[in-house]
Protein backbone atom coordinates (compact mmCIF):
# COMPACT_ATOMS: atom_id res chain seq x y z
CA MET A 1 65.48 53.04 133.11
CA SER A 2 67.56 54.31 135.85
CA LEU A 3 66.72 55.89 139.15
CA THR A 4 68.22 58.32 140.39
CA SER A 5 67.92 59.77 144.55
CA ASP A 6 67.41 63.40 145.30
CA PRO A 7 70.47 65.01 146.82
CA PRO A 8 70.68 65.39 150.94
CA ILE A 9 69.34 68.52 152.54
CA VAL A 10 71.79 70.01 154.25
CA LYS A 11 70.78 72.29 157.14
CA ALA A 12 72.08 75.31 157.60
CA PRO A 13 73.43 76.31 161.09
CA ALA A 14 70.55 78.23 163.28
CA GLU A 15 71.84 81.83 163.78
CA PRO A 16 72.14 82.87 167.62
CA GLU A 17 69.31 84.48 168.89
CA ASP A 18 71.80 86.64 171.13
CA TYR A 19 74.61 88.38 169.15
CA GLY A 20 75.92 89.97 172.55
CA ALA A 21 76.78 86.65 173.81
CA LEU A 22 79.19 85.88 171.15
CA LYS A 23 82.65 85.78 172.95
CA VAL A 24 85.17 88.61 170.83
CA VAL A 25 88.52 86.96 170.46
CA PRO A 26 90.86 89.72 169.68
CA VAL A 27 93.34 88.94 166.67
CA ARG A 28 96.96 87.91 168.46
CA HIS A 29 100.17 88.90 166.87
CA PRO A 30 102.65 87.04 168.55
CA TRP A 31 105.35 87.99 166.22
CA ARG A 32 104.97 92.35 166.68
CA TRP A 33 104.89 91.56 170.11
CA ALA A 34 108.38 90.08 169.50
CA ALA A 35 109.82 92.25 167.53
CA VAL A 36 108.85 95.55 170.06
CA ILE A 37 110.68 93.17 172.49
CA VAL A 38 113.67 92.47 170.61
CA THR A 39 113.60 96.47 169.67
CA ALA A 40 112.83 97.48 173.07
CA VAL A 41 116.37 95.43 173.88
CA LEU A 42 118.85 96.59 172.09
CA LEU A 43 117.88 100.44 173.09
CA ALA A 44 118.44 99.52 176.42
CA GLN A 45 121.88 98.34 175.84
CA PHE A 46 122.40 101.21 173.48
CA ALA A 47 121.00 103.60 176.25
CA HIS A 48 123.29 101.77 179.21
CA GLY A 49 126.67 101.88 176.52
CA LEU A 50 126.05 105.28 176.60
CA ALA A 51 125.53 106.22 180.09
CA THR A 52 128.34 103.96 181.23
CA ASN A 53 131.08 103.55 178.60
CA PRO A 54 133.55 105.90 179.60
CA GLY A 55 134.68 106.68 176.15
CA TRP A 56 132.46 108.88 175.39
CA GLU A 57 133.70 111.86 177.78
CA TRP A 58 129.95 113.55 178.95
CA GLU A 59 131.76 116.12 180.73
CA VAL A 60 133.59 117.33 177.65
CA PHE A 61 130.44 116.80 175.73
CA ALA A 62 128.94 119.20 178.40
CA GLU A 63 131.82 121.86 178.46
CA PHE A 64 131.60 122.83 174.80
CA PHE A 65 127.71 121.70 173.45
CA THR A 66 127.03 125.09 174.79
CA ALA A 67 130.79 126.77 174.39
CA GLU A 68 131.46 130.22 172.22
CA VAL A 69 133.14 129.06 169.42
CA ILE A 70 130.17 126.02 168.74
CA LEU A 71 127.31 128.84 168.97
CA LYS A 72 129.40 131.22 166.94
CA ALA A 73 129.31 127.98 164.50
CA VAL A 74 126.27 127.34 164.62
CA TRP A 75 124.61 130.30 163.39
CA VAL A 76 127.38 130.44 161.01
CA THR A 77 125.84 126.98 159.84
CA LEU A 78 122.16 128.48 160.16
CA GLN A 79 123.05 131.25 157.59
CA LEU A 80 124.39 129.13 155.01
CA THR A 81 121.42 127.04 155.37
CA ALA A 82 118.99 129.82 155.36
CA TYR A 83 120.79 132.46 151.90
CA GLY A 84 121.39 128.32 149.77
CA THR A 85 117.81 127.30 149.98
CA ALA A 86 116.37 131.07 149.64
CA LEU A 87 118.48 131.38 146.80
CA GLY A 88 118.27 127.92 145.16
CA PHE A 89 114.44 127.95 145.73
CA ALA A 90 114.19 131.69 143.61
CA LEU A 91 116.50 130.34 141.30
CA GLY A 92 114.73 126.63 140.92
CA ILE A 93 111.12 128.26 140.46
CA VAL A 94 112.50 130.23 137.41
CA LEU A 95 114.45 127.50 136.26
CA ALA A 96 110.68 125.25 136.68
CA PHE A 97 108.99 127.62 134.82
CA MET A 98 111.64 128.05 132.13
CA ARG A 99 111.08 124.13 131.69
CA LEU A 100 107.30 123.86 131.80
CA SER A 101 107.47 126.88 128.98
CA ASP A 102 106.13 126.79 125.45
CA SER A 103 109.85 127.73 124.70
CA PRO A 104 111.94 125.51 123.24
CA PHE A 105 115.22 128.09 124.24
CA LEU A 106 114.31 128.13 127.39
CA LYS A 107 113.37 124.42 128.15
CA ALA A 108 117.01 124.38 126.52
CA VAL A 109 118.76 126.42 129.37
CA SER A 110 116.68 124.91 131.91
CA PHE A 111 117.33 121.34 131.11
CA ALA A 112 121.38 122.41 129.95
CA TYR A 113 121.23 124.37 133.65
CA ILE A 114 119.87 121.24 135.47
CA TRP A 115 121.89 118.56 134.35
CA ALA A 116 124.98 120.36 135.10
CA PHE A 117 124.42 120.99 138.32
CA ARG A 118 123.01 117.59 138.97
CA SER A 119 126.09 116.61 137.65
CA ILE A 120 128.66 118.24 138.90
CA PRO A 121 130.19 117.14 142.67
CA LEU A 122 128.93 119.67 144.94
CA ILE A 123 132.40 119.62 146.87
CA VAL A 124 133.43 120.50 143.47
CA GLN A 125 131.70 123.68 142.24
CA LEU A 126 132.55 124.92 145.86
CA LEU A 127 135.95 124.45 145.20
CA PHE A 128 135.73 126.41 141.59
CA TRP A 129 133.71 129.19 143.34
CA PHE A 130 136.63 129.66 145.69
CA ASN A 131 139.26 129.71 143.41
CA LEU A 132 137.82 131.68 140.99
CA ALA A 133 140.47 134.28 141.72
CA TYR A 134 142.89 131.49 139.55
CA LEU A 135 140.98 131.26 136.84
CA TYR A 136 140.05 135.14 135.94
CA LYS A 137 142.38 137.50 137.87
CA GLU A 138 139.41 140.01 137.05
CA LEU A 139 135.68 140.20 135.44
CA LYS A 140 135.35 143.03 132.89
CA PHE A 141 131.71 144.21 131.27
CA GLY A 142 131.36 146.09 128.03
CA ILE A 143 131.19 145.00 124.88
CA PRO A 144 131.53 141.28 124.34
CA PHE A 145 135.10 140.72 122.35
CA GLY A 146 135.86 144.39 122.56
CA PRO A 147 136.65 146.75 125.22
CA GLY A 148 135.57 146.49 129.24
CA PHE A 149 133.62 149.31 130.78
CA PHE A 150 133.65 148.17 133.93
CA THR A 151 136.14 145.75 135.25
CA PHE A 152 135.86 143.64 139.13
CA ASP A 153 138.81 142.31 140.80
CA THR A 154 137.61 138.85 141.50
CA MET A 155 139.74 138.85 144.20
CA GLY A 156 137.76 140.32 146.33
CA LEU A 157 134.28 139.86 145.01
CA VAL A 158 134.29 136.31 145.86
CA GLY A 159 135.18 135.38 149.40
CA ALA A 160 135.46 131.75 151.33
CA MET A 161 131.69 132.85 152.01
CA SER A 162 129.99 134.66 149.15
CA ALA A 163 131.36 130.73 147.45
CA ALA A 164 130.14 128.92 149.87
CA VAL A 165 126.88 130.52 149.50
CA LEU A 166 126.81 130.50 145.79
CA GLY A 167 127.55 127.16 145.58
CA LEU A 168 125.45 125.55 147.50
CA ALA A 169 122.23 128.46 146.08
CA LEU A 170 123.22 127.55 142.51
CA HIS A 171 123.10 122.90 143.56
CA GLN A 172 120.33 123.08 145.10
CA ALA A 173 118.23 125.34 142.30
CA ALA A 174 118.77 122.29 140.40
CA TYR A 175 117.40 120.19 142.21
CA ALA A 176 115.00 122.72 143.89
CA ALA A 177 113.72 123.47 140.45
CA GLU A 178 113.09 119.59 139.46
CA ILE A 179 110.80 119.57 142.99
CA VAL A 180 108.63 122.67 141.93
CA ARG A 181 107.82 121.49 138.29
CA GLY A 182 106.59 118.11 139.89
CA GLY A 183 104.73 119.67 141.82
CA VAL A 184 102.87 122.54 139.40
CA LEU A 185 102.88 119.09 137.34
CA ALA A 186 100.87 116.70 139.96
CA VAL A 187 97.65 119.74 139.71
CA ASP A 188 95.07 119.00 137.38
CA SER A 189 95.38 120.86 133.99
CA GLY A 190 91.39 121.46 134.08
CA GLN A 191 91.92 124.19 136.84
CA LEU A 192 94.25 126.18 134.59
CA GLU A 193 91.79 125.94 131.50
CA ALA A 194 89.01 126.82 133.90
CA ALA A 195 91.05 130.03 135.30
CA ALA A 196 91.61 131.16 131.55
CA ALA A 197 88.05 131.13 130.01
CA LEU A 198 87.18 133.45 133.49
CA GLY A 199 89.39 135.47 131.73
CA ILE A 200 92.04 135.53 135.02
CA PRO A 201 95.94 136.59 133.86
CA ARG A 202 98.37 134.05 133.23
CA LEU A 203 100.67 135.38 136.03
CA ARG A 204 97.75 135.49 138.43
CA GLN A 205 97.12 131.97 137.70
CA ILE A 206 100.23 130.80 138.35
CA ARG A 207 99.92 132.69 142.02
CA ARG A 208 96.58 132.21 143.63
CA ILE A 209 95.31 128.84 141.47
CA VAL A 210 98.51 126.53 140.79
CA LEU A 211 101.02 127.42 143.88
CA PRO A 212 98.69 126.72 146.60
CA GLN A 213 97.90 123.25 145.53
CA ALA A 214 101.68 122.33 143.90
CA MET A 215 102.31 123.20 146.78
CA ARG A 216 100.91 120.07 148.96
CA SER A 217 103.55 117.83 146.67
CA ILE A 218 106.15 121.04 147.01
CA LEU A 219 106.59 120.52 150.12
CA PRO A 220 107.44 117.37 151.61
CA ASN A 221 110.34 117.00 149.06
CA ALA A 222 111.54 120.62 149.72
CA ALA A 223 111.53 120.21 153.21
CA ASN A 224 113.35 116.98 152.93
CA GLU A 225 115.91 118.83 150.29
CA VAL A 226 116.66 122.14 153.18
CA ILE A 227 117.37 119.45 155.43
CA SER A 228 119.73 117.47 153.71
CA LEU A 229 121.01 120.90 152.75
CA PHE A 230 121.38 122.07 156.66
CA LYS A 231 123.35 118.92 157.24
CA GLY A 232 125.33 119.11 153.87
CA THR A 233 126.86 122.50 154.71
CA SER A 234 129.54 120.20 156.72
CA ILE A 235 130.91 120.17 153.14
CA VAL A 236 132.01 123.93 153.18
CA SER A 237 134.37 123.30 156.13
CA VAL A 238 137.01 122.04 152.98
CA MET A 239 137.42 126.11 152.58
CA ALA A 240 138.28 126.59 156.22
CA ILE A 241 134.84 128.32 156.31
CA GLY A 242 134.15 128.53 160.56
CA GLU A 243 130.68 126.21 160.72
CA LEU A 244 129.95 123.68 162.21
CA PHE A 245 131.74 121.14 161.92
CA TYR A 246 134.62 122.46 160.59
CA GLN A 247 134.85 124.28 164.39
CA VAL A 248 134.72 120.46 165.93
CA GLN A 249 137.74 119.57 163.61
CA VAL A 250 139.84 122.01 164.99
CA ILE A 251 138.78 121.57 168.42
CA TYR A 252 139.07 117.55 168.62
CA GLY A 253 142.78 118.94 166.53
CA ARG A 254 143.94 120.23 169.54
CA ASN A 255 142.87 118.37 172.70
CA GLY A 256 142.32 115.31 171.05
CA ARG A 257 139.09 114.46 172.11
CA VAL A 258 137.60 112.84 168.92
CA VAL A 259 134.40 111.30 170.25
CA PRO A 260 132.25 114.27 172.64
CA LEU A 261 133.21 116.88 170.34
CA LEU A 262 131.66 114.49 167.09
CA MET A 263 128.77 114.16 169.15
CA VAL A 264 128.39 117.98 169.86
CA ALA A 265 127.97 118.31 166.48
CA THR A 266 125.85 115.33 166.15
CA ALA A 267 123.42 117.05 169.00
CA TRP A 268 123.10 119.94 167.24
CA TYR A 269 122.66 118.65 163.75
CA ILE A 270 119.54 116.45 165.44
CA LEU A 271 118.22 119.24 167.38
CA LEU A 272 118.01 121.39 164.72
CA THR A 273 116.69 119.06 162.10
CA THR A 274 114.03 118.09 164.64
CA ALA A 275 113.15 121.92 164.92
CA LEU A 276 113.00 121.86 160.77
CA SER A 277 110.69 118.71 160.93
CA VAL A 278 108.43 120.18 163.58
CA LEU A 279 107.84 123.23 161.44
CA GLN A 280 107.35 121.43 158.19
CA HIS A 281 104.67 119.54 159.88
CA TYR A 282 102.67 122.92 160.75
CA VAL A 283 103.35 124.55 157.24
CA GLU A 284 102.36 121.12 155.63
CA ARG A 285 99.03 121.56 157.50
CA HIS A 286 98.39 124.99 156.44
CA PHE A 287 98.22 124.20 153.09
CA ALA A 288 96.54 120.96 153.15
CA LYS A 289 93.02 122.53 154.11
CA GLY A 290 90.34 121.51 152.20
CA SER A 291 92.56 118.67 151.26
CA THR A 292 90.69 115.33 151.45
CA ARG A 293 93.41 113.08 152.45
């Protein structure tokens, strides 16, 4: 016969009657404050260097920042961006819906286009269009492998500006197609099924139901592509087009003031990119109406 003792009874601590009397201690984040201090010191050192280092030559920067030649170059850069974006996304939307279609032929054509133009570097595409007259002296329209009815001289057909717009737009279209396709695929397929059940025409389904919802997914990536294209217009300087970076190179090639002229270009890129980012914010907010995010 064994004797067992009952386990000891542990009394729970008494709950305080007045919770307001408890002292609330905030969570401390010492490493967060350390990171803030280190960042502030680094920014202060950088700003001090900008203000005191004579190598920046801010008087040269101020002289050329609003110079007429620079403002004209900024306008050319904005034109290249606008044309490349408009034409690129217009073609990209067509390619995206070709890729989403039920036709194997349209899918194959769209996939081949996207594969080709994403694989070839942009500078190669630009130089190819710029030197199109070297490969084809003239373009003929008529019977395939037979006589031509209309003939165009490629030397006068594709100039430097046209070649730049064409290269940027065709290159942009390949990326825009994938952005639009991803946005459309993000829309619940039940939306289209419900629209079809109501007898809404296919084109109206896309225009009034699919695209407004897809824009929430399309806009962030599309805005990144537009900003990337805006900065990427500097690559057309290899074609001697008077955009911002090319004009800056021409000026500092004459006066030798490399750093302040590069800062002129940098400041304009930052200002215009900021404006595009602000525009992106308001457009996204417009299309986010009714979203639960």
